[in-house]
Amino acid sequence: QVQLVESGGGLVQAGGSLRLSCAASGRTDRIDAMAWFRQAPGKEREFVAAIRWISGSRYYSDSVKGRFTISRDNAKNTLYLQMNSLKPEDTAVYYCAARPNYNRDYDSAGRYDYWGQGTQVTVSS
């Protein structure tokens, strides 16, 4: 069992920045990869970024590549998402996710076993 708690969401103007955090607890030794997904009203949950916990390999969706940076602090069991140059279309609830087993499908929500409660990010134009 892994528990995830997100923080850092809020309201920001277009072009601004936010840093999301996700604190993991429980059996964190099982974590192989963690990721960020987002979901806007009326839309499907969308992959944002993922990171392999040990190697640090990173993966990004095309829509955020070059603007967002995913990182982790292994000692603190914390995941981060630095979001720069935010756009109104980035507005969504952002979810932290984790999985215990390796799987090449980093962008598939169904491959993740543990989820945070979500944090709202709103970008005004």
Protein backbone atom coordinates (compact mmCIF):
# COMPACT_ATOMS: atom_id res chain seq x y z
CA GLN A 1 0.00 0.00 0.00
CA VAL A 2 1.24 3.44 -1.01
CA GLN A 3 -0.38 6.73 -0.08
CA LEU A 4 0.12 9.84 -2.20
CA VAL A 5 -0.64 13.42 -1.19
CA GLU A 6 -0.37 16.26 -3.68
CA SER A 7 0.13 19.94 -2.99
CA GLY A 8 1.09 23.13 -4.79
CA GLY A 9 -1.87 23.72 -7.08
CA GLY A 10 -3.47 27.11 -7.45
CA LEU A 11 -4.37 29.98 -9.73
CA VAL A 12 -1.74 31.51 -11.98
CA GLN A 13 -1.73 33.80 -15.00
CA ALA A 14 -0.64 32.57 -18.40
CA GLY A 15 3.12 32.53 -18.65
CA GLY A 16 3.54 31.95 -14.94
CA SER A 17 4.90 28.99 -13.02
CA LEU A 18 3.80 26.50 -10.40
CA ARG A 19 5.56 23.66 -8.63
CA LEU A 20 3.53 20.63 -7.63
CA SER A 21 4.66 18.20 -4.96
CA CYS A 22 3.57 14.65 -4.18
CA ALA A 23 4.58 13.04 -0.91
CA ALA A 24 4.58 9.23 -0.90
CA SER A 25 4.25 7.11 2.20
CA GLY A 26 3.66 3.48 3.08
CA ARG A 27 5.51 0.79 1.15
CA THR A 28 7.49 3.22 -0.94
CA ASP A 29 10.20 0.62 -1.46
CA ARG A 30 7.88 -1.00 -3.99
CA ILE A 31 7.73 2.05 -6.25
CA ASP A 32 9.26 1.60 -9.67
CA ALA A 33 7.87 4.69 -11.38
CA MET A 34 5.81 7.74 -10.58
CA ALA A 35 3.89 10.03 -12.87
CA TRP A 36 1.68 13.06 -13.23
CA PHE A 37 -1.64 12.96 -15.03
CA ARG A 38 -4.22 15.69 -15.49
CA GLN A 39 -7.91 15.83 -16.21
CA ALA A 40 -9.91 18.81 -17.41
CA PRO A 41 -13.71 18.95 -17.06
CA GLY A 42 -15.42 16.71 -19.59
CA LYS A 43 -12.14 15.26 -20.83
CA GLU A 44 -10.25 12.03 -20.33
CA ARG A 45 -7.36 11.74 -17.94
CA GLU A 46 -4.22 12.75 -19.79
CA PHE A 47 -0.60 11.74 -19.28
CA VAL A 48 1.75 14.58 -18.39
CA ALA A 49 5.10 13.15 -17.29
CA ALA A 50 6.67 10.10 -15.66
CA ILE A 51 9.95 9.20 -13.98
CA ARG A 52 11.65 5.94 -13.09
CA TRP A 53 12.35 6.09 -9.39
CA ILE A 54 15.83 4.58 -9.35
CA SER A 55 17.30 5.49 -12.73
CA GLY A 56 15.67 8.90 -13.01
CA SER A 57 14.68 8.38 -16.64
CA ARG A 58 12.04 10.92 -17.60
CA TYR A 59 9.18 10.90 -20.07
CA TYR A 60 6.93 13.76 -21.17
CA SER A 61 3.86 14.30 -23.25
CA ASP A 62 4.40 16.42 -26.33
CA SER A 63 2.10 19.12 -24.99
CA VAL A 64 4.32 19.87 -21.98
CA LYS A 65 7.78 18.98 -23.26
CA GLY A 66 10.15 21.89 -22.84
CA ARG A 67 7.88 23.61 -20.31
CA PHE A 68 7.43 21.09 -17.50
CA THR A 69 10.08 19.19 -15.56
CA ILE A 70 9.43 16.09 -13.49
CA SER A 71 11.84 15.21 -10.71
CA ARG A 72 12.03 13.22 -7.51
CA ASP A 73 13.81 13.25 -4.17
CA ASN A 74 14.38 9.61 -3.30
CA ALA A 75 15.37 10.34 0.30
CA LYS A 76 12.16 12.30 0.89
CA ASN A 77 9.96 10.00 -1.20
CA THR A 78 8.64 13.08 -2.94
CA LEU A 79 7.73 13.70 -6.55
CA TYR A 80 7.74 17.16 -8.14
CA LEU A 81 6.40 18.79 -11.25
CA GLN A 82 7.86 22.17 -12.14
CA MET A 83 5.50 23.88 -14.56
CA ASN A 84 6.74 26.91 -16.47
CA SER A 85 5.24 28.99 -19.27
CA LEU A 86 1.78 27.88 -18.25
CA LYS A 87 -1.06 28.16 -20.74
CA PRO A 88 -4.83 28.26 -20.20
CA GLU A 89 -5.06 24.81 -21.76
CA ASP A 90 -2.97 23.48 -18.87
CA THR A 91 -5.94 24.09 -16.58
CA ALA A 92 -6.93 20.77 -15.00
CA VAL A 93 -6.87 18.70 -11.87
CA TYR A 94 -3.38 17.23 -11.61
CA TYR A 95 -2.95 13.76 -10.14
CA CYS A 96 0.12 12.04 -8.78
CA ALA A 97 0.41 8.31 -9.51
CA ALA A 98 2.74 5.44 -8.63
CA ARG A 99 3.21 1.83 -9.65
CA PRO A 100 5.23 -1.00 -8.09
CA ASN A 101 6.11 -2.97 -11.22
CA TYR A 102 7.95 -2.10 -14.38
CA ASN A 103 5.89 -1.46 -17.46
CA ARG A 104 6.91 0.28 -20.65
CA ASP A 105 3.55 2.05 -20.94
CA TYR A 106 4.39 5.07 -18.85
CA ASP A 107 1.60 7.14 -20.39
CA SER A 108 -1.25 4.76 -19.54
CA ALA A 109 -3.28 5.64 -16.45
CA GLY A 110 -4.40 2.02 -16.13
CA ARG A 111 -0.83 0.92 -15.43
CA TYR A 112 -0.65 2.87 -12.17
CA ASP A 113 -1.91 1.36 -8.94
CA TYR A 114 -1.80 4.29 -6.55
CA TRP A 115 -3.25 7.78 -6.93
CA GLY A 116 -3.35 11.01 -5.02
CA GLN A 117 -6.47 13.07 -4.45
CA GLY A 118 -5.59 15.61 -7.12
CA THR A 119 -4.76 19.30 -6.96
CA GLN A 120 -6.41 22.00 -9.05
CA VAL A 121 -4.31 24.08 -11.42
CA THR A 122 -6.05 27.01 -13.06
CA VAL A 123 -4.30 29.19 -15.63
CA SER A 124 -6.01 32.43 -16.54
CA SER A 125 -5.51 34.20 -19.86
